[in-house]
N, C-alpha and C. Protein backbone atom coordinates (compact mmCIF):
# COMPACT_ATOMS: atom_id res chain seq x y z
N UNK A 1 134.06 223.75 0.43
CA UNK A 1 132.66 224.03 0.07
C UNK A 1 132.52 224.37 -1.42
N UNK A 2 133.50 225.09 -1.92
CA UNK A 2 133.39 225.39 -3.34
C UNK A 2 133.48 224.29 -4.22
N UNK A 3 134.29 223.26 -3.83
CA UNK A 3 134.47 222.10 -4.70
C UNK A 3 133.18 221.32 -4.89
N UNK A 4 132.33 221.37 -3.80
CA UNK A 4 131.02 220.67 -3.85
C UNK A 4 130.10 221.36 -4.87
N UNK A 5 130.30 222.66 -5.05
CA UNK A 5 129.42 223.42 -6.00
C UNK A 5 129.91 223.32 -7.49
N UNK A 6 131.22 223.05 -7.65
CA UNK A 6 131.81 223.09 -8.94
C UNK A 6 132.18 221.73 -9.52
N UNK A 7 132.28 220.74 -8.65
CA UNK A 7 132.78 219.40 -9.07
C UNK A 7 131.72 218.36 -8.81
N UNK A 8 130.97 217.82 -9.80
CA UNK A 8 129.82 216.94 -9.63
C UNK A 8 130.32 215.62 -9.05
N UNK A 9 131.35 215.13 -9.54
CA UNK A 9 131.95 213.77 -9.05
C UNK A 9 132.23 213.96 -7.46
N UNK A 10 132.85 214.99 -7.16
CA UNK A 10 133.23 215.26 -5.70
C UNK A 10 131.95 215.32 -4.87
N UNK A 11 130.92 216.09 -5.40
CA UNK A 11 129.70 216.20 -4.63
C UNK A 11 129.00 214.83 -4.47
N UNK A 12 128.95 214.09 -5.54
CA UNK A 12 128.28 212.78 -5.57
C UNK A 12 129.06 211.81 -4.55
N UNK A 13 130.37 211.81 -4.67
CA UNK A 13 131.14 210.97 -3.73
C UNK A 13 130.95 211.37 -2.30
N UNK A 14 130.93 212.61 -1.99
CA UNK A 14 130.65 213.14 -0.60
C UNK A 14 129.25 212.73 -0.08
N UNK A 15 128.25 212.94 -1.03
CA UNK A 15 126.85 212.56 -0.67
C UNK A 15 126.76 211.05 -0.37
N UNK A 16 127.30 210.25 -1.20
CA UNK A 16 127.20 208.80 -1.00
C UNK A 16 127.96 208.29 0.22
N UNK A 17 129.10 208.87 0.42
CA UNK A 17 129.94 208.48 1.67
C UNK A 17 129.05 208.93 2.93
N UNK A 18 128.49 210.06 2.91
CA UNK A 18 127.61 210.47 4.07
C UNK A 18 126.41 209.50 4.30
N UNK A 19 125.88 209.08 3.21
CA UNK A 19 124.77 208.10 3.29
C UNK A 19 125.22 206.84 3.98
N UNK A 20 126.32 206.32 3.55
CA UNK A 20 126.85 205.11 4.13
C UNK A 20 127.30 205.32 5.68
N UNK A 21 127.86 206.47 5.89
CA UNK A 21 128.26 206.75 7.32
C UNK A 21 127.08 206.84 8.23
N UNK A 22 126.03 207.60 7.74
CA UNK A 22 124.77 207.63 8.60
C UNK A 22 124.11 206.28 8.78
N UNK A 23 124.15 205.41 7.69
CA UNK A 23 123.56 204.10 7.87
C UNK A 23 124.29 203.32 8.98
N UNK A 24 125.62 203.34 8.88
CA UNK A 24 126.52 202.63 9.86
C UNK A 24 126.32 203.16 11.21
N UNK A 25 126.08 204.43 11.39
CA UNK A 25 125.88 204.99 12.77
C UNK A 25 124.45 204.98 13.21
N UNK A 26 123.61 204.23 12.54
CA UNK A 26 122.21 204.08 12.88
C UNK A 26 121.29 205.23 12.74
N UNK A 27 121.78 206.36 11.99
CA UNK A 27 120.97 207.45 11.76
C UNK A 27 120.04 207.39 10.61
N UNK A 28 120.19 206.38 9.82
CA UNK A 28 119.47 206.20 8.58
C UNK A 28 119.48 204.78 8.05
N UNK A 29 118.32 204.32 7.57
CA UNK A 29 118.33 202.94 6.95
C UNK A 29 117.55 203.06 5.71
N UNK A 30 117.91 203.97 4.85
CA UNK A 30 117.33 204.14 3.49
C UNK A 30 117.42 202.89 2.67
N UNK A 31 116.31 202.59 1.98
CA UNK A 31 116.39 201.36 1.13
C UNK A 31 117.34 201.60 -0.01
N UNK A 32 117.51 202.78 -0.45
CA UNK A 32 118.43 203.07 -1.54
C UNK A 32 119.90 202.88 -1.07
N UNK A 33 120.19 203.25 0.13
CA UNK A 33 121.55 203.07 0.69
C UNK A 33 121.79 201.61 0.86
N UNK A 34 120.89 200.84 1.35
CA UNK A 34 121.10 199.39 1.48
C UNK A 34 121.27 198.69 0.15
N UNK A 35 120.48 199.17 -0.86
CA UNK A 35 120.70 198.68 -2.25
C UNK A 35 122.08 199.06 -2.71
N UNK A 36 122.52 200.22 -2.43
CA UNK A 36 123.90 200.65 -2.81
C UNK A 36 124.95 199.71 -2.23
N UNK A 37 124.82 199.37 -0.92
CA UNK A 37 125.73 198.56 -0.17
C UNK A 37 125.63 197.05 -0.61
N UNK A 38 124.50 196.62 -1.05
CA UNK A 38 124.24 195.26 -1.53
C UNK A 38 124.11 194.24 -0.28
N UNK A 39 123.76 194.81 0.86
CA UNK A 39 123.50 193.95 2.01
C UNK A 39 122.85 194.76 3.05
N UNK A 40 122.50 194.06 4.15
CA UNK A 40 121.95 194.70 5.40
C UNK A 40 123.00 195.48 6.09
N UNK A 41 122.58 196.31 7.05
CA UNK A 41 123.57 196.96 7.96
C UNK A 41 124.28 195.89 8.81
N UNK A 42 123.53 194.93 9.37
CA UNK A 42 124.16 193.96 10.25
C UNK A 42 125.23 193.16 9.45
N UNK A 43 124.92 192.74 8.16
CA UNK A 43 125.85 192.01 7.45
C UNK A 43 127.05 192.82 7.16
N UNK A 44 126.82 194.13 6.75
CA UNK A 44 128.02 194.97 6.53
C UNK A 44 128.92 195.11 7.77
N UNK A 45 128.37 195.28 8.84
CA UNK A 45 129.05 195.45 10.09
C UNK A 45 129.85 194.18 10.43
N UNK A 46 129.27 193.04 10.22
CA UNK A 46 130.07 191.83 10.43
C UNK A 46 131.16 191.59 9.42
N UNK A 47 130.84 191.94 8.16
CA UNK A 47 131.83 191.93 7.12
C UNK A 47 133.11 192.76 7.41
N UNK A 48 132.83 193.94 7.91
CA UNK A 48 133.90 194.91 8.22
C UNK A 48 134.61 194.36 9.51
N UNK A 49 133.92 193.96 10.51
CA UNK A 49 134.50 193.42 11.73
C UNK A 49 135.43 192.25 11.45
N UNK A 50 135.05 191.43 10.42
CA UNK A 50 135.90 190.28 10.14
C UNK A 50 137.21 190.66 9.55
N UNK A 51 137.38 192.02 9.18
CA UNK A 51 138.66 192.42 8.64
C UNK A 51 139.43 193.46 9.62
N UNK A 52 138.82 193.67 10.73
CA UNK A 52 139.45 194.48 11.78
C UNK A 52 140.84 193.98 12.08
N UNK A 53 141.71 195.03 12.18
CA UNK A 53 143.04 194.67 12.70
C UNK A 53 143.10 194.91 14.25
N UNK A 54 144.07 194.28 14.90
CA UNK A 54 144.12 194.56 16.43
C UNK A 54 143.99 196.10 16.62
N UNK A 55 143.16 196.40 17.65
CA UNK A 55 142.98 197.80 18.06
C UNK A 55 141.76 198.47 17.41
N UNK A 56 141.23 197.95 16.32
CA UNK A 56 140.14 198.52 15.67
C UNK A 56 138.79 198.15 16.31
N UNK A 57 137.85 199.12 16.39
CA UNK A 57 136.57 198.87 17.02
C UNK A 57 135.62 199.86 16.42
N UNK A 58 134.33 199.73 16.68
CA UNK A 58 133.35 200.74 16.24
C UNK A 58 133.53 202.04 16.99
N UNK A 59 134.14 201.87 18.19
CA UNK A 59 134.32 203.08 18.98
C UNK A 59 135.41 204.01 18.38
N UNK A 60 136.35 203.49 17.66
CA UNK A 60 137.45 204.38 17.13
C UNK A 60 137.26 204.47 15.59
N UNK A 61 136.03 204.29 15.07
CA UNK A 61 135.76 204.48 13.67
C UNK A 61 135.67 206.03 13.38
N UNK A 62 136.41 206.49 12.47
CA UNK A 62 136.30 207.95 12.11
C UNK A 62 137.64 208.62 12.05
N UNK A 63 137.69 209.89 12.31
CA UNK A 63 138.70 210.85 12.02
C UNK A 63 140.14 210.34 12.40
N UNK A 64 140.33 210.00 13.70
CA UNK A 64 141.63 209.72 14.24
C UNK A 64 141.85 208.13 14.26
N UNK A 65 140.81 207.38 14.08
CA UNK A 65 140.94 205.94 14.25
C UNK A 65 141.10 205.28 12.91
N UNK A 66 140.05 204.55 12.52
CA UNK A 66 140.11 203.92 11.17
C UNK A 66 139.08 204.47 10.29
N UNK A 67 139.23 204.32 8.98
CA UNK A 67 138.36 204.80 7.99
C UNK A 67 137.72 203.65 7.22
N UNK A 68 136.56 203.89 6.63
CA UNK A 68 136.05 202.92 5.75
C UNK A 68 136.63 203.22 4.37
N UNK A 69 137.50 202.29 3.90
CA UNK A 69 138.21 202.41 2.67
C UNK A 69 137.56 201.80 1.55
N UNK A 70 137.59 202.43 0.36
CA UNK A 70 137.12 201.81 -0.91
C UNK A 70 138.29 201.06 -1.50
N UNK A 71 138.35 199.77 -1.57
CA UNK A 71 139.47 199.02 -2.17
C UNK A 71 139.82 199.61 -3.53
N UNK A 72 138.85 199.59 -4.42
CA UNK A 72 139.01 200.34 -5.68
C UNK A 72 138.45 201.71 -5.38
N UNK A 73 139.33 202.74 -5.44
CA UNK A 73 139.03 204.11 -5.03
C UNK A 73 137.71 204.69 -5.74
N UNK A 74 137.05 205.51 -5.04
CA UNK A 74 135.87 206.24 -5.73
C UNK A 74 136.29 206.98 -6.93
N UNK A 75 137.46 207.54 -6.95
CA UNK A 75 137.87 208.24 -8.12
C UNK A 75 138.06 207.40 -9.39
N UNK A 76 137.99 206.10 -9.27
CA UNK A 76 138.13 205.13 -10.39
C UNK A 76 136.72 204.89 -11.07
N UNK A 77 135.65 205.42 -10.41
CA UNK A 77 134.35 205.21 -10.92
C UNK A 77 133.72 206.42 -11.45
N UNK A 78 132.73 206.34 -12.36
CA UNK A 78 131.89 207.46 -12.85
C UNK A 78 130.68 207.42 -11.99
N UNK A 79 130.68 208.18 -10.90
CA UNK A 79 129.60 208.10 -9.93
C UNK A 79 128.30 208.73 -10.36
N UNK A 80 128.31 209.36 -11.58
CA UNK A 80 127.06 209.91 -12.22
C UNK A 80 126.24 208.70 -12.77
N UNK A 81 126.88 207.49 -12.84
CA UNK A 81 126.24 206.25 -13.33
C UNK A 81 125.83 205.46 -12.17
N UNK A 82 124.49 205.19 -11.93
CA UNK A 82 124.04 204.42 -10.80
C UNK A 82 124.66 203.00 -10.70
N UNK A 83 124.93 202.34 -11.82
CA UNK A 83 125.62 201.06 -11.78
C UNK A 83 127.02 201.06 -11.14
N UNK A 84 127.75 202.10 -11.53
CA UNK A 84 129.10 202.33 -10.98
C UNK A 84 129.01 202.75 -9.57
N UNK A 85 127.94 203.50 -9.15
CA UNK A 85 127.77 203.77 -7.69
C UNK A 85 127.70 202.53 -6.98
N UNK A 86 126.88 201.60 -7.46
CA UNK A 86 126.64 200.26 -6.77
C UNK A 86 127.97 199.47 -6.63
N UNK A 87 128.78 199.53 -7.70
CA UNK A 87 130.04 198.80 -7.66
C UNK A 87 130.94 199.47 -6.68
N UNK A 88 131.08 200.81 -6.64
CA UNK A 88 131.96 201.48 -5.74
C UNK A 88 131.59 201.32 -4.28
N UNK A 89 130.27 201.38 -4.01
CA UNK A 89 129.82 201.31 -2.55
C UNK A 89 129.33 199.98 -2.14
N UNK A 90 129.50 198.92 -2.97
CA UNK A 90 129.17 197.62 -2.57
C UNK A 90 130.05 197.09 -1.45
N UNK A 91 129.47 196.39 -0.52
CA UNK A 91 130.17 195.92 0.69
C UNK A 91 131.50 195.25 0.33
N UNK A 92 131.59 194.62 -0.88
CA UNK A 92 132.74 193.84 -1.29
C UNK A 92 133.92 194.76 -1.65
N UNK A 93 133.61 196.10 -1.86
CA UNK A 93 134.63 197.03 -2.14
C UNK A 93 135.01 197.93 -0.91
N UNK A 94 134.57 197.51 0.32
CA UNK A 94 134.77 198.27 1.48
C UNK A 94 135.62 197.42 2.51
N UNK A 95 136.55 198.15 3.16
CA UNK A 95 137.39 197.52 4.12
C UNK A 95 137.81 198.58 5.15
N UNK A 96 138.01 198.10 6.41
CA UNK A 96 138.56 199.07 7.42
C UNK A 96 140.07 199.31 7.16
N UNK A 97 140.53 200.57 7.27
CA UNK A 97 141.92 200.88 7.09
C UNK A 97 142.22 202.11 8.05
N UNK A 98 143.29 201.86 8.71
CA UNK A 98 143.76 202.91 9.69
C UNK A 98 143.79 204.28 8.93
N UNK A 99 143.35 205.31 9.64
CA UNK A 99 143.35 206.67 8.96
C UNK A 99 144.61 207.05 8.26
N UNK A 100 145.69 206.84 8.93
CA UNK A 100 146.97 207.27 8.35
C UNK A 100 147.21 206.46 7.03
N UNK A 101 146.89 205.14 7.08
CA UNK A 101 147.09 204.35 5.85
C UNK A 101 146.07 204.77 4.67
N UNK A 102 144.86 205.05 5.12
CA UNK A 102 143.86 205.49 4.00
C UNK A 102 144.33 206.79 3.45
N UNK A 103 144.82 207.66 4.23
CA UNK A 103 145.18 209.03 3.75
C UNK A 103 146.42 208.82 2.78
N UNK A 104 147.34 207.98 3.19
CA UNK A 104 148.46 207.68 2.36
C UNK A 104 147.98 206.94 1.03
N UNK A 105 147.06 206.08 1.11
CA UNK A 105 146.51 205.38 -0.07
C UNK A 105 145.93 206.32 -1.01
N UNK A 106 145.14 207.27 -0.54
CA UNK A 106 144.33 208.19 -1.34
C UNK A 106 143.60 207.49 -2.47
N UNK A 107 143.82 207.95 -3.71
CA UNK A 107 143.06 207.32 -4.80
C UNK A 107 143.88 206.37 -5.65
N UNK A 108 144.91 205.75 -4.98
CA UNK A 108 145.81 204.83 -5.73
C UNK A 108 145.21 203.44 -5.82
N UNK A 109 145.31 202.85 -7.00
CA UNK A 109 144.86 201.49 -7.21
C UNK A 109 145.89 200.46 -6.77
N UNK A 110 147.20 200.87 -6.90
CA UNK A 110 148.25 199.93 -6.68
C UNK A 110 148.95 200.07 -5.27
N UNK A 111 148.21 200.69 -4.32
CA UNK A 111 148.76 200.98 -3.02
C UNK A 111 149.01 199.65 -2.25
N UNK A 112 150.07 199.56 -1.57
CA UNK A 112 150.38 198.41 -0.69
C UNK A 112 150.68 198.92 0.71
N UNK A 113 149.99 198.37 1.71
CA UNK A 113 150.26 198.67 3.10
C UNK A 113 151.66 198.42 3.53
N UNK A 114 152.26 199.43 4.21
CA UNK A 114 153.67 199.19 4.60
C UNK A 114 153.75 198.57 6.00
């Protein structure tokens, strides 16, 4: 909680991730979020599904299943810049990744799945 108060980039990243998560879960369809993603929710879901590995489904999206990974990590962008927000959260920078792999990847650009 303190990090959200003291680290602007962390707060922005958290807020933007929450917007995308709510959109995917059908809890929000903000025009701004769709602009950020660069596509419709249906298109994003199909794009992500086309990259599913065996065992991945929307039912196991989240904490213990798979995560929405940013291919180029959020930490590589200046999220106070709206143009960089759009690059970071564009559907072309998103992929499904098993939770353990995403945690292992962290903010690395040169990560290779084992």
